[in-house]
């Protein structure tokens, strides 16, 4: 999982397995990923594909991604929270750096 995340310049902060054997990850930027019990690598790859779109939407709306629930077969549920002004600037700088 760490190698896949590293390709997107993410660092895994916490990996936890619930009592129901469901994977929950927390990234260094605070985003929580709910991967569920099966197809974890496929779901993680889906997050990597979705992240640029989610980041763009967060910047447009002045929000921050709180969590991404990837337990669905085709799609994800995203939780948003208001971004502090400093966080919004940091996301914009990160997005600009990724585009270069």
N, C-alpha and C. Protein backbone atom coordinates (compact mmCIF):
# COMPACT_ATOMS: atom_id res chain seq x y z
N UNK A 1 0.82 -1.19 0.00
CA UNK A 1 0.00 0.00 0.00
C UNK A 1 0.86 1.25 0.00
N UNK A 2 1.93 1.21 0.79
CA UNK A 2 2.81 2.36 0.87
C UNK A 2 3.44 2.73 -0.46
N UNK A 3 3.80 1.71 -1.24
CA UNK A 3 4.43 1.96 -2.54
C UNK A 3 3.45 2.63 -3.51
N UNK A 4 2.20 2.19 -3.49
CA UNK A 4 1.18 2.79 -4.35
C UNK A 4 0.96 4.24 -3.94
N UNK A 5 0.87 4.49 -2.65
CA UNK A 5 0.66 5.85 -2.17
C UNK A 5 1.86 6.74 -2.48
N UNK A 6 3.05 6.20 -2.41
CA UNK A 6 4.26 6.98 -2.68
C UNK A 6 4.28 7.50 -4.11
N UNK A 7 3.69 6.76 -5.04
CA UNK A 7 3.63 7.22 -6.43
C UNK A 7 2.85 8.53 -6.54
N UNK A 8 1.86 8.71 -5.67
CA UNK A 8 1.08 9.94 -5.65
C UNK A 8 1.60 10.95 -4.65
N UNK A 9 2.80 10.69 -4.12
CA UNK A 9 3.44 11.57 -3.14
C UNK A 9 2.65 11.65 -1.84
N UNK A 10 2.02 10.56 -1.47
CA UNK A 10 1.33 10.45 -0.18
C UNK A 10 2.18 9.60 0.74
N UNK A 11 2.06 9.85 2.03
CA UNK A 11 2.72 9.02 3.02
C UNK A 11 1.65 8.44 3.93
N UNK A 12 1.75 7.15 4.17
CA UNK A 12 0.81 6.48 5.05
C UNK A 12 1.17 6.81 6.49
N UNK A 13 0.23 7.39 7.21
CA UNK A 13 0.46 7.77 8.60
C UNK A 13 -0.02 6.65 9.53
N UNK A 14 -1.24 6.15 9.28
CA UNK A 14 -1.83 5.10 10.12
C UNK A 14 -2.55 4.10 9.23
N UNK A 15 -2.33 2.82 9.49
CA UNK A 15 -3.10 1.75 8.84
C UNK A 15 -3.73 0.94 9.96
N UNK A 16 -5.04 0.80 9.91
CA UNK A 16 -5.75 0.08 10.97
C UNK A 16 -6.74 -0.90 10.36
N UNK A 17 -6.90 -2.02 11.04
CA UNK A 17 -7.91 -2.99 10.64
C UNK A 17 -8.96 -3.02 11.75
N UNK A 18 -10.21 -2.83 11.36
CA UNK A 18 -11.30 -2.81 12.33
C UNK A 18 -11.62 -4.22 12.80
N UNK A 19 -12.50 -4.32 13.78
CA UNK A 19 -12.94 -5.62 14.28
C UNK A 19 -13.62 -6.44 13.18
N UNK A 20 -14.17 -5.75 12.18
CA UNK A 20 -14.82 -6.45 11.06
C UNK A 20 -13.84 -6.73 9.92
N UNK A 21 -12.54 -6.56 10.19
CA UNK A 21 -11.47 -6.80 9.22
C UNK A 21 -11.55 -5.89 8.00
N UNK A 22 -11.87 -4.66 8.25
CA UNK A 22 -11.96 -3.63 7.22
C UNK A 22 -10.77 -2.69 7.37
N UNK A 23 -10.08 -2.40 6.26
CA UNK A 23 -8.91 -1.52 6.30
C UNK A 23 -9.33 -0.06 6.31
N UNK A 24 -8.70 0.70 7.21
CA UNK A 24 -8.86 2.15 7.27
C UNK A 24 -7.46 2.77 7.32
N UNK A 25 -7.20 3.67 6.38
CA UNK A 25 -5.90 4.32 6.30
C UNK A 25 -6.05 5.80 6.60
N UNK A 26 -5.03 6.38 7.21
CA UNK A 26 -4.94 7.82 7.38
C UNK A 26 -3.65 8.27 6.73
N UNK A 27 -3.76 9.24 5.84
CA UNK A 27 -2.60 9.75 5.12
C UNK A 27 -1.97 10.91 5.89
N UNK A 28 -0.76 11.28 5.51
CA UNK A 28 -0.05 12.35 6.20
C UNK A 28 -0.75 13.70 6.09
N UNK A 29 -1.61 13.87 5.08
CA UNK A 29 -2.35 15.13 4.94
C UNK A 29 -3.69 15.09 5.68
N UNK A 30 -3.95 14.02 6.45
CA UNK A 30 -5.14 13.93 7.27
C UNK A 30 -6.33 13.25 6.61
N UNK A 31 -6.24 12.95 5.34
CA UNK A 31 -7.35 12.28 4.64
C UNK A 31 -7.45 10.84 5.13
N UNK A 32 -8.68 10.43 5.46
CA UNK A 32 -8.93 9.05 5.89
C UNK A 32 -9.52 8.28 4.72
N UNK A 33 -9.01 7.09 4.48
CA UNK A 33 -9.50 6.23 3.41
C UNK A 33 -10.12 4.98 4.01
N UNK A 34 -11.37 4.71 3.66
CA UNK A 34 -12.03 3.47 4.07
C UNK A 34 -11.97 2.53 2.88
N UNK A 35 -11.18 1.46 3.02
CA UNK A 35 -10.97 0.54 1.90
C UNK A 35 -11.83 -0.72 1.99
N UNK A 36 -12.38 -1.01 3.13
CA UNK A 36 -13.19 -2.21 3.26
C UNK A 36 -12.34 -3.46 3.42
N UNK A 37 -12.97 -4.62 3.15
CA UNK A 37 -12.32 -5.91 3.40
C UNK A 37 -11.65 -6.51 2.17
N UNK A 38 -12.17 -6.26 1.00
CA UNK A 38 -11.62 -6.91 -0.19
C UNK A 38 -11.21 -5.89 -1.24
N UNK A 39 -10.43 -6.35 -2.19
CA UNK A 39 -10.00 -5.50 -3.31
C UNK A 39 -9.33 -4.21 -2.84
N UNK A 40 -8.54 -4.29 -1.80
CA UNK A 40 -7.96 -3.07 -1.23
C UNK A 40 -7.04 -2.35 -2.20
N UNK A 41 -6.25 -3.09 -2.95
CA UNK A 41 -5.33 -2.44 -3.89
C UNK A 41 -6.10 -1.79 -5.04
N UNK A 42 -7.15 -2.44 -5.49
CA UNK A 42 -7.99 -1.87 -6.55
C UNK A 42 -8.65 -0.58 -6.05
N UNK A 43 -9.10 -0.60 -4.83
CA UNK A 43 -9.76 0.58 -4.25
C UNK A 43 -8.75 1.71 -4.03
N UNK A 44 -7.56 1.34 -3.62
CA UNK A 44 -6.51 2.35 -3.44
C UNK A 44 -6.15 2.98 -4.78
N UNK A 45 -6.10 2.17 -5.83
CA UNK A 45 -5.82 2.69 -7.18
C UNK A 45 -6.94 3.63 -7.62
N UNK A 46 -8.19 3.32 -7.26
CA UNK A 46 -9.31 4.19 -7.60
C UNK A 46 -9.15 5.54 -6.91
N UNK A 47 -8.70 5.54 -5.65
CA UNK A 47 -8.45 6.80 -4.95
C UNK A 47 -7.40 7.62 -5.69
N UNK A 48 -6.33 6.96 -6.12
CA UNK A 48 -5.26 7.67 -6.82
C UNK A 48 -5.78 8.32 -8.10
N UNK A 49 -6.72 7.68 -8.77
CA UNK A 49 -7.32 8.25 -9.98
C UNK A 49 -8.25 9.41 -9.64
N UNK A 50 -8.99 9.28 -8.55
CA UNK A 50 -9.97 10.29 -8.17
C UNK A 50 -9.35 11.53 -7.53
N UNK A 51 -8.21 11.37 -6.89
CA UNK A 51 -7.66 12.45 -6.08
C UNK A 51 -7.49 13.78 -6.82
N UNK A 52 -6.93 13.81 -8.03
CA UNK A 52 -6.80 15.11 -8.70
C UNK A 52 -8.14 15.82 -8.90
N UNK A 53 -9.18 15.07 -9.21
CA UNK A 53 -10.51 15.66 -9.38
C UNK A 53 -11.04 16.17 -8.05
N UNK A 54 -10.85 15.39 -6.99
CA UNK A 54 -11.31 15.79 -5.67
C UNK A 54 -10.56 17.02 -5.17
N UNK A 55 -9.27 17.06 -5.42
CA UNK A 55 -8.46 18.21 -5.01
C UNK A 55 -8.93 19.47 -5.72
N UNK A 56 -9.19 19.36 -7.01
CA UNK A 56 -9.68 20.51 -7.78
C UNK A 56 -11.02 21.00 -7.23
N UNK A 57 -11.92 20.06 -6.93
CA UNK A 57 -13.22 20.44 -6.39
C UNK A 57 -13.07 21.09 -5.02
N UNK A 58 -12.17 20.56 -4.20
CA UNK A 58 -11.93 21.13 -2.88
C UNK A 58 -11.44 22.57 -2.99
N UNK A 59 -10.52 22.81 -3.90
CA UNK A 59 -9.99 24.16 -4.08
C UNK A 59 -11.06 25.11 -4.59
N UNK A 60 -11.87 24.65 -5.51
CA UNK A 60 -12.93 25.49 -6.08
C UNK A 60 -13.94 25.90 -5.02
N UNK A 61 -14.27 24.96 -4.14
CA UNK A 61 -15.32 25.20 -3.15
C UNK A 61 -14.78 25.65 -1.79
N UNK A 62 -13.47 25.75 -1.65
CA UNK A 62 -12.89 26.18 -0.38
C UNK A 62 -13.03 25.14 0.72
N UNK A 63 -12.98 23.88 0.33
CA UNK A 63 -13.11 22.78 1.29
C UNK A 63 -11.82 21.99 1.37
N UNK A 64 -11.83 21.05 2.28
CA UNK A 64 -10.74 20.11 2.45
C UNK A 64 -11.35 18.71 2.46
N UNK A 65 -10.66 17.75 1.89
CA UNK A 65 -11.15 16.37 1.89
C UNK A 65 -10.94 15.80 3.29
N UNK A 66 -12.01 15.34 3.92
CA UNK A 66 -11.92 14.74 5.24
C UNK A 66 -11.72 13.23 5.12
N UNK A 67 -12.57 12.58 4.31
CA UNK A 67 -12.45 11.14 4.11
C UNK A 67 -12.93 10.75 2.73
N UNK A 68 -12.48 9.60 2.27
CA UNK A 68 -12.95 9.01 1.03
C UNK A 68 -13.30 7.56 1.34
N UNK A 69 -14.57 7.21 1.17
CA UNK A 69 -15.05 5.86 1.43
C UNK A 69 -15.08 5.11 0.10
N UNK A 70 -14.19 4.15 -0.05
CA UNK A 70 -14.02 3.44 -1.31
C UNK A 70 -14.60 2.02 -1.27
N UNK A 71 -15.51 1.76 -0.35
CA UNK A 71 -16.06 0.41 -0.21
C UNK A 71 -17.10 0.06 -1.28
N UNK A 72 -17.40 0.99 -2.15
CA UNK A 72 -18.40 0.76 -3.19
C UNK A 72 -17.74 0.13 -4.42
N UNK A 73 -18.53 -0.62 -5.19
CA UNK A 73 -17.99 -1.30 -6.37
C UNK A 73 -17.50 -0.33 -7.44
N UNK A 74 -18.24 0.74 -7.65
CA UNK A 74 -17.86 1.68 -8.71
C UNK A 74 -18.13 3.10 -8.25
N UNK A 75 -17.19 3.65 -7.52
CA UNK A 75 -17.36 5.02 -7.05
C UNK A 75 -16.85 5.17 -5.64
N UNK A 76 -17.15 6.32 -5.06
CA UNK A 76 -16.68 6.61 -3.71
C UNK A 76 -17.59 7.67 -3.09
N UNK A 77 -17.63 7.67 -1.77
CA UNK A 77 -18.31 8.73 -1.03
C UNK A 77 -17.22 9.61 -0.43
N UNK A 78 -17.40 10.92 -0.54
CA UNK A 78 -16.38 11.85 -0.07
C UNK A 78 -16.96 12.73 1.02
N UNK A 79 -16.23 12.86 2.10
CA UNK A 79 -16.61 13.77 3.18
C UNK A 79 -15.76 15.02 3.09
N UNK A 80 -16.40 16.17 3.20
CA UNK A 80 -15.72 17.45 3.07
C UNK A 80 -15.79 18.19 4.40
N UNK A 81 -14.83 19.07 4.62
CA UNK A 81 -14.86 19.99 5.75
C UNK A 81 -14.29 21.32 5.28
N UNK A 82 -14.71 22.41 5.91
CA UNK A 82 -14.19 23.72 5.50
C UNK A 82 -12.67 23.78 5.68
N UNK A 83 -12.02 24.34 4.71
CA UNK A 83 -10.56 24.46 4.78
C UNK A 83 -10.19 25.80 5.42
N UNK A 84 -9.27 25.78 6.38
CA UNK A 84 -8.75 27.04 6.90
C UNK A 84 -8.03 27.78 5.77
N UNK A 85 -7.92 29.07 5.88
CA UNK A 85 -7.30 29.89 4.82
C UNK A 85 -5.90 29.40 4.50
N UNK A 86 -5.10 29.09 5.51
CA UNK A 86 -3.73 28.62 5.28
C UNK A 86 -3.73 27.29 4.55
N UNK A 87 -4.69 26.41 4.89
CA UNK A 87 -4.78 25.09 4.25
C UNK A 87 -5.15 25.24 2.78
N UNK A 88 -6.04 26.16 2.47
CA UNK A 88 -6.44 26.40 1.08
C UNK A 88 -5.25 26.84 0.25
N UNK A 89 -4.43 27.73 0.80
CA UNK A 89 -3.23 28.19 0.09
C UNK A 89 -2.25 27.04 -0.12
N UNK A 90 -2.11 26.18 0.89
CA UNK A 90 -1.20 25.04 0.78
C UNK A 90 -1.68 24.08 -0.31
N UNK A 91 -2.99 23.82 -0.39
CA UNK A 91 -3.52 22.94 -1.42
C UNK A 91 -3.29 23.53 -2.81
N UNK A 92 -3.47 24.83 -2.94
CA UNK A 92 -3.26 25.47 -4.23
C UNK A 92 -1.80 25.35 -4.65
N UNK A 93 -0.90 25.58 -3.71
CA UNK A 93 0.53 25.46 -4.01
C UNK A 93 0.89 24.03 -4.40
N UNK A 94 0.31 23.05 -3.69
CA UNK A 94 0.57 21.65 -4.00
C UNK A 94 0.06 21.30 -5.39
N UNK A 95 -1.13 21.76 -5.73
CA UNK A 95 -1.71 21.47 -7.04
C UNK A 95 -0.86 22.09 -8.15
N UNK A 96 -0.37 23.30 -7.93
CA UNK A 96 0.46 23.96 -8.93
C UNK A 96 1.78 23.21 -9.09
N UNK A 97 2.34 22.73 -7.99
CA UNK A 97 3.60 21.99 -8.05
C UNK A 97 3.41 20.66 -8.79
N UNK A 98 2.26 20.01 -8.60
CA UNK A 98 2.00 18.74 -9.27
C UNK A 98 1.82 18.93 -10.77
N UNK A 99 1.34 20.08 -11.19
CA UNK A 99 1.11 20.33 -12.60
C UNK A 99 2.42 20.58 -13.34
N UNK A 100 3.45 20.99 -12.62
CA UNK A 100 4.73 21.32 -13.26
C UNK A 100 5.58 20.12 -13.48
